[in-house]
Amino acid sequence: MSIKENYLKLSEKFGGPYTLMKKGIKRSLITSIMEGKDVRISNVIQIALALGVSVEELIGAEKPDGEAAKIPLVEHNNEEVKYIDKLLSVLRGHDEAKKSTVKGVLDMAKQDAWTQEQRAAYKKTAP
């Protein structure tokens, strides 16, 4: 099932999809779901919490054996959400130079061992 189908089914106990506005869910977000558009993971988490269900249940995630997939529900602070959204925007965008820069920075950060040369190269390409 899609998020839309699951959302419709799960929101019935509240009186329908738009009744969650009383719980702080924005109308535009509900409309996006109803139109089948992609939604940010932070919004999926917000909706799952409002519905009192797991993210897995809301998105209909299943393993090949039919069992629900376990997607850990991780709380993010506002700053983390802001940067996660920016990161996803760059990685999903069409600017290959930006994608390459972000991937390089993430790879270097993971290694946690930037050389002076790598730092200098990053500073030249940083926005």
Protein backbone atom coordinates (compact mmCIF):
# COMPACT_ATOMS: atom_id res chain seq x y z
CA MET A 1 0.00 0.00 0.00
CA SER A 2 1.08 3.59 -0.58
CA ILE A 3 1.44 6.25 2.11
CA LYS A 4 -1.78 7.80 0.82
CA GLU A 5 -3.74 4.55 1.18
CA ASN A 6 -2.31 3.87 4.63
CA TYR A 7 -2.91 7.44 5.73
CA LEU A 8 -6.55 7.30 4.60
CA LYS A 9 -7.11 4.03 6.45
CA LEU A 10 -5.30 5.12 9.62
CA SER A 11 -6.91 8.57 9.78
CA GLU A 12 -10.42 7.08 9.76
CA LYS A 13 -10.30 6.66 13.55
CA PHE A 14 -10.00 10.46 13.80
CA GLY A 15 -12.82 11.14 11.36
CA GLY A 16 -10.89 11.37 8.11
CA PRO A 17 -7.67 12.75 6.66
CA TYR A 18 -8.18 16.46 7.28
CA THR A 19 -9.21 16.04 10.94
CA LEU A 20 -5.52 15.73 11.86
CA MET A 21 -5.22 19.49 11.36
CA LYS A 22 -6.54 19.66 14.95
CA LYS A 23 -3.36 17.82 15.97
CA GLY A 24 -1.10 20.35 14.26
CA ILE A 25 -0.70 18.70 10.85
CA LYS A 26 -0.69 21.38 8.14
CA ARG A 27 -3.39 21.29 5.49
CA SER A 28 -0.77 21.59 2.74
CA LEU A 29 0.98 18.45 4.02
CA ILE A 30 -2.26 16.49 4.09
CA THR A 31 -3.06 17.72 0.57
CA SER A 32 0.39 16.61 -0.63
CA ILE A 33 -0.24 13.12 0.72
CA MET A 34 -3.72 13.02 -0.79
CA GLU A 35 -2.22 14.00 -4.18
CA GLY A 36 0.36 11.22 -3.89
CA LYS A 37 3.35 13.57 -3.69
CA ASP A 38 6.60 12.71 -1.92
CA VAL A 39 6.86 14.02 1.63
CA ARG A 40 9.87 14.66 3.82
CA ILE A 41 10.76 12.03 6.40
CA SER A 42 10.38 14.63 9.16
CA ASN A 43 6.76 15.11 8.03
CA VAL A 44 6.17 11.35 7.86
CA ILE A 45 7.40 11.10 11.45
CA GLN A 46 5.14 13.97 12.52
CA ILE A 47 2.11 12.28 10.95
CA ALA A 48 2.95 8.87 12.42
CA LEU A 49 3.20 10.44 15.88
CA ALA A 50 -0.14 12.25 15.41
CA LEU A 51 -1.78 9.01 14.30
CA GLY A 52 -0.16 7.03 17.10
CA VAL A 53 1.37 4.50 14.70
CA SER A 54 4.86 3.51 13.66
CA VAL A 55 6.53 4.98 10.60
CA GLU A 56 6.60 1.45 9.17
CA GLU A 57 2.83 1.16 9.49
CA LEU A 58 2.25 4.55 7.89
CA ILE A 59 4.50 3.96 4.89
CA GLY A 60 3.51 0.31 4.52
CA ALA A 61 7.08 -0.96 4.65
CA GLU A 62 7.32 -4.72 4.36
CA LYS A 63 10.16 -7.18 4.13
CA PRO A 64 10.09 -9.76 1.32
CA ASP A 65 8.56 -12.29 3.76
CA GLY A 66 5.58 -9.95 4.31
CA GLU A 67 6.61 -8.92 7.82
CA ALA A 68 6.68 -5.19 8.54
CA ALA A 69 10.12 -3.65 8.11
CA LYS A 70 11.58 -2.05 11.20
CA ILE A 71 12.63 1.50 10.49
CA PRO A 72 14.05 3.11 13.61
CA LEU A 73 12.20 6.23 14.70
CA VAL A 74 14.90 8.77 15.40
CA GLU A 75 14.13 12.15 16.87
CA HIS A 76 15.99 15.02 15.24
CA ASN A 77 16.32 18.52 16.57
CA ASN A 78 15.39 21.50 14.38
CA GLU A 79 18.97 22.16 13.30
CA GLU A 80 19.47 18.54 12.25
CA VAL A 81 16.20 18.52 10.30
CA LYS A 82 17.22 21.75 8.53
CA TYR A 83 20.53 20.26 7.40
CA ILE A 84 19.05 16.86 6.54
CA ASP A 85 16.53 18.60 4.29
CA LYS A 86 19.29 20.70 2.68
CA LEU A 87 21.45 17.63 2.18
CA LEU A 88 18.64 15.70 0.52
CA SER A 89 17.81 18.70 -1.65
CA VAL A 90 21.38 18.87 -2.95
CA LEU A 91 21.68 15.11 -3.47
CA ARG A 92 18.35 14.96 -5.32
CA GLY A 93 19.11 18.05 -7.39
CA HIS A 94 20.59 18.34 -10.85
CA ASP A 95 23.81 20.19 -9.99
CA GLU A 96 26.43 17.45 -10.32
CA ALA A 97 29.23 19.70 -8.99
CA LYS A 98 27.31 20.32 -5.74
CA LYS A 99 26.51 16.62 -5.40
CA SER A 100 30.16 15.73 -5.89
CA THR A 101 31.29 18.31 -3.32
CA VAL A 102 28.77 17.11 -0.73
CA LYS A 103 29.67 13.47 -1.27
CA GLY A 104 33.37 14.29 -0.97
CA VAL A 105 32.85 16.22 2.25
CA LEU A 106 30.74 13.41 3.72
CA ASP A 107 33.33 10.81 2.75
CA MET A 108 36.11 12.88 4.30
CA ALA A 109 34.06 13.60 7.43
CA LYS A 110 33.40 9.91 7.85
CA GLN A 111 37.12 9.20 7.69
CA ASP A 112 37.52 12.02 10.23
CA ALA A 113 41.02 12.65 8.96
CA TRP A 114 41.14 15.69 6.73
CA THR A 115 44.55 16.69 5.59
CA GLN A 116 45.48 20.36 5.25
CA GLU A 117 45.31 19.89 1.48
CA GLN A 118 41.76 18.47 1.67
CA ARG A 119 40.61 21.35 3.89
CA ALA A 120 42.09 23.89 1.49
CA ALA A 121 40.41 22.17 -1.48
CA TYR A 122 37.06 22.18 0.33
CA LYS A 123 37.33 25.87 1.22
CA LYS A 124 37.84 26.69 -2.47
CA THR A 125 34.66 24.81 -3.51
CA ALA A 126 32.46 25.59 -0.50
CA PRO A 127 29.43 27.77 -1.22
